């Protein structure tokens, strides 16, 4: 068994980051950043779900697909391409609003996140975002979602709505009467 593992990984240089590995790092970055906003994050087991993470803030639970771009911007005005579809065989299929609530797009060069509601994508499979200082001549409709972490928050949730275990037990007992 050890021989098989060695020979399989012999072609990968140390420190090599393939696209899958970079995607995994973007997912970790999303979880860390969301946690700094007080958002709970869970990662489903395996790769068989159409979303990468589940977030919870108060009673608001959302399914998030994380996308990333680690490439350099070709020119200041061209922005960064993000594929907002899933790869299926040789083609791309759109995510469904029944399966995913948000696309979280990470632009590594600017350490910037876009939190884009699925409804705003329509039938697009590719979008461009412009995290740099220059505004695009055309497009740019997703700039309003730049660092929009508030979209993942439950507006009705506040620190005052957190209860101790004892308070929850008392409320549960009252509800059962």
Protein backbone atom coordinates (compact mmCIF):
# COMPACT_ATOMS: atom_id res chain seq x y z
CA UNK A 1 0.00 0.00 0.00
CA UNK A 2 2.81 2.41 0.89
CA UNK A 3 4.44 1.85 -2.51
CA UNK A 4 1.18 2.79 -4.26
CA UNK A 5 0.82 6.04 -2.31
CA UNK A 6 4.40 7.03 -3.03
CA UNK A 7 4.21 6.39 -6.74
CA UNK A 8 0.85 8.16 -7.07
CA UNK A 9 2.14 11.36 -5.46
CA UNK A 10 5.61 11.28 -6.98
CA UNK A 11 4.56 13.54 -9.89
CA UNK A 12 3.21 16.33 -7.63
CA UNK A 13 5.96 18.75 -6.58
CA UNK A 14 6.04 19.87 -2.95
CA UNK A 15 3.94 22.97 -2.39
CA UNK A 16 2.06 22.55 -5.67
CA UNK A 17 -1.42 24.07 -5.58
CA UNK A 18 -3.73 22.62 -8.20
CA UNK A 19 -7.18 24.03 -8.86
CA UNK A 20 -8.85 21.63 -6.40
CA UNK A 21 -6.40 22.55 -3.65
CA UNK A 22 -6.86 26.29 -4.29
CA UNK A 23 -10.64 25.79 -4.13
CA UNK A 24 -10.25 24.03 -0.78
CA UNK A 25 -8.14 26.93 0.51
CA UNK A 26 -10.83 29.39 -0.63
CA UNK A 27 -13.43 27.36 1.29
CA UNK A 28 -11.27 27.57 4.42
CA UNK A 29 -10.90 31.31 3.88
CA UNK A 30 -14.68 31.67 3.56
CA UNK A 31 -15.26 29.76 6.80
CA UNK A 32 -12.71 31.89 8.64
CA UNK A 33 -14.08 35.21 7.32
CA UNK A 34 -17.70 34.22 8.02
CA UNK A 35 -16.77 33.22 11.57
CA UNK A 36 -15.30 36.68 12.18
CA UNK A 37 -18.79 38.08 11.52
CA UNK A 38 -20.32 35.72 14.09
CA UNK A 39 -21.71 33.42 11.40
CA UNK A 40 -21.67 29.70 12.14
CA UNK A 41 -20.29 27.56 9.32
CA UNK A 42 -20.58 23.83 8.67
CA UNK A 43 -18.95 21.80 5.92
CA UNK A 44 -20.95 18.84 4.63
CA UNK A 45 -19.15 15.52 4.41
CA UNK A 46 -17.92 14.69 0.90
CA UNK A 47 -18.32 16.45 -2.44
CA UNK A 48 -21.79 15.21 -3.39
CA UNK A 49 -23.75 18.34 -2.44
CA UNK A 50 -24.12 21.30 -4.81
CA UNK A 51 -22.92 23.64 -2.03
CA UNK A 52 -19.63 23.80 -0.14
CA UNK A 53 -20.78 25.23 3.19
CA UNK A 54 -23.87 25.83 5.27
CA UNK A 55 -24.01 29.06 7.26
CA UNK A 56 -26.19 29.95 10.21
CA UNK A 57 -26.78 33.26 11.90
CA UNK A 58 -29.74 33.32 14.25
CA UNK A 59 -32.49 31.39 12.47
CA UNK A 60 -31.12 32.15 9.00
CA UNK A 61 -29.56 29.02 7.43
CA UNK A 62 -28.04 29.30 3.95
CA UNK A 63 -26.27 27.03 1.46
CA UNK A 64 -23.15 28.62 -0.02
CA UNK A 65 -21.10 27.58 -3.04
CA UNK A 66 -17.55 28.97 -2.85
CA UNK A 67 -15.80 30.03 -6.06
CA UNK A 68 -12.38 31.62 -6.40
CA UNK A 69 -10.00 33.32 -8.79
CA UNK A 70 -6.27 33.11 -8.08
CA UNK A 71 -5.13 34.45 -11.45
CA UNK A 72 -3.79 37.90 -12.22
CA UNK A 73 -5.94 40.60 -13.77
CA UNK A 74 -4.94 40.99 -17.40
CA UNK A 75 -5.77 44.70 -17.59
CA UNK A 76 -7.26 47.01 -14.99
CA UNK A 77 -10.59 47.22 -16.79
CA UNK A 78 -11.18 43.56 -17.62
CA UNK A 79 -11.87 42.41 -14.08
CA UNK A 80 -11.73 38.85 -12.83
CA UNK A 81 -13.75 35.99 -14.32
CA UNK A 82 -15.75 33.74 -12.00
CA UNK A 83 -17.48 30.60 -13.21
CA UNK A 84 -20.82 30.46 -11.39
CA UNK A 85 -21.87 27.07 -12.77
CA UNK A 86 -20.95 23.52 -11.88
CA UNK A 87 -18.89 21.35 -14.20
CA UNK A 88 -20.79 18.32 -15.34
CA UNK A 89 -19.02 16.10 -17.84
CA UNK A 90 -17.73 18.31 -20.65
CA UNK A 91 -20.18 21.18 -20.08
CA UNK A 92 -21.36 23.55 -17.38
CA UNK A 93 -24.74 23.47 -15.67
CA UNK A 94 -26.22 26.37 -13.74
CA UNK A 95 -26.73 25.93 -10.03
CA UNK A 96 -30.38 25.98 -9.06
CA UNK A 97 -31.89 28.37 -6.50
CA UNK A 98 -33.41 25.19 -5.07
CA UNK A 99 -29.91 23.86 -4.32
CA UNK A 100 -27.76 26.91 -3.51
CA UNK A 101 -28.62 30.25 -1.87
CA UNK A 102 -25.39 32.22 -2.39
CA UNK A 103 -22.21 32.19 -4.44
CA UNK A 104 -19.23 33.37 -2.39
CA UNK A 105 -16.55 34.49 -4.87
CA UNK A 106 -13.01 35.08 -3.62
CA UNK A 107 -10.53 37.23 -5.55
CA UNK A 108 -7.13 36.28 -4.13
CA UNK A 109 -5.13 39.23 -5.50
CA UNK A 110 -7.30 41.69 -3.56
CA UNK A 111 -8.29 39.37 -0.67
CA UNK A 112 -11.88 40.33 -1.48
CA UNK A 113 -15.16 38.43 -1.22
CA UNK A 114 -18.36 38.85 -3.21
CA UNK A 115 -21.49 37.36 -1.63
CA UNK A 116 -23.92 37.04 -4.51
CA UNK A 117 -27.51 35.82 -4.10
CA UNK A 118 -28.39 33.13 -6.62
CA UNK A 119 -31.45 35.06 -7.79
CA UNK A 120 -29.23 37.89 -9.06
CA UNK A 121 -27.31 35.57 -11.44
CA UNK A 122 -30.24 34.64 -13.65
CA UNK A 123 -29.02 32.16 -16.27
CA UNK A 124 -25.38 33.30 -16.28
CA UNK A 125 -22.65 30.72 -16.12
CA UNK A 126 -19.80 33.25 -15.98
CA UNK A 127 -19.53 36.68 -14.39
CA UNK A 128 -16.84 39.32 -13.97
CA UNK A 129 -16.06 41.24 -10.81
CA UNK A 130 -13.91 44.34 -10.45
CA UNK A 131 -12.38 44.61 -6.97
CA UNK A 132 -9.68 47.10 -8.07
CA UNK A 133 -10.00 50.86 -7.88
CA UNK A 134 -11.05 51.33 -11.51
CA UNK A 135 -14.72 50.95 -12.31
CA UNK A 136 -15.66 49.04 -15.45
CA UNK A 137 -17.05 50.89 -18.46
CA UNK A 138 -19.81 48.33 -18.77
CA UNK A 139 -20.97 45.61 -16.42
CA UNK A 140 -20.11 45.84 -12.77
CA UNK A 141 -23.61 44.84 -11.65
CA UNK A 142 -22.14 42.57 -8.97
CA UNK A 143 -20.05 45.26 -7.26
CA UNK A 144 -22.89 45.89 -4.80
CA UNK A 145 -22.19 42.41 -3.40
CA UNK A 146 -18.53 43.16 -2.64
CA UNK A 147 -17.88 42.26 1.03
CA UNK A 148 -21.68 42.08 1.56
CA UNK A 149 -21.47 39.79 4.60
CA UNK A 150 -24.59 41.43 5.98
CA UNK A 151 -26.61 39.42 3.42
CA UNK A 152 -25.78 36.26 5.37
CA UNK A 153 -26.95 37.72 8.68
CA UNK A 154 -30.34 37.25 10.33
CA UNK A 155 -31.66 40.80 10.72
CA UNK A 156 -33.82 39.78 13.69
CA UNK A 157 -30.97 38.16 15.59
CA UNK A 158 -29.14 40.05 18.29
CA UNK A 159 -27.01 39.18 21.28
CA UNK A 160 -30.09 39.62 23.47
CA UNK A 161 -31.74 36.67 21.73
CA UNK A 162 -29.17 34.19 22.99
CA UNK A 163 -30.45 32.12 25.86
CA UNK A 164 -28.80 29.98 28.48
CA UNK A 165 -29.59 26.25 28.65
CA UNK A 166 -31.65 26.86 31.77
CA UNK A 167 -33.73 29.55 30.04
CA UNK A 168 -34.32 27.24 27.06
CA UNK A 169 -35.48 24.43 29.36
CA UNK A 170 -37.85 26.82 31.14
CA UNK A 171 -39.27 28.05 27.82
CA UNK A 172 -39.65 24.46 26.61
CA UNK A 173 -41.53 23.50 29.77
CA UNK A 174 -43.88 26.49 29.32
CA UNK A 175 -44.57 25.51 25.70
CA UNK A 176 -45.49 21.95 26.70
CA UNK A 177 -48.16 23.10 29.17
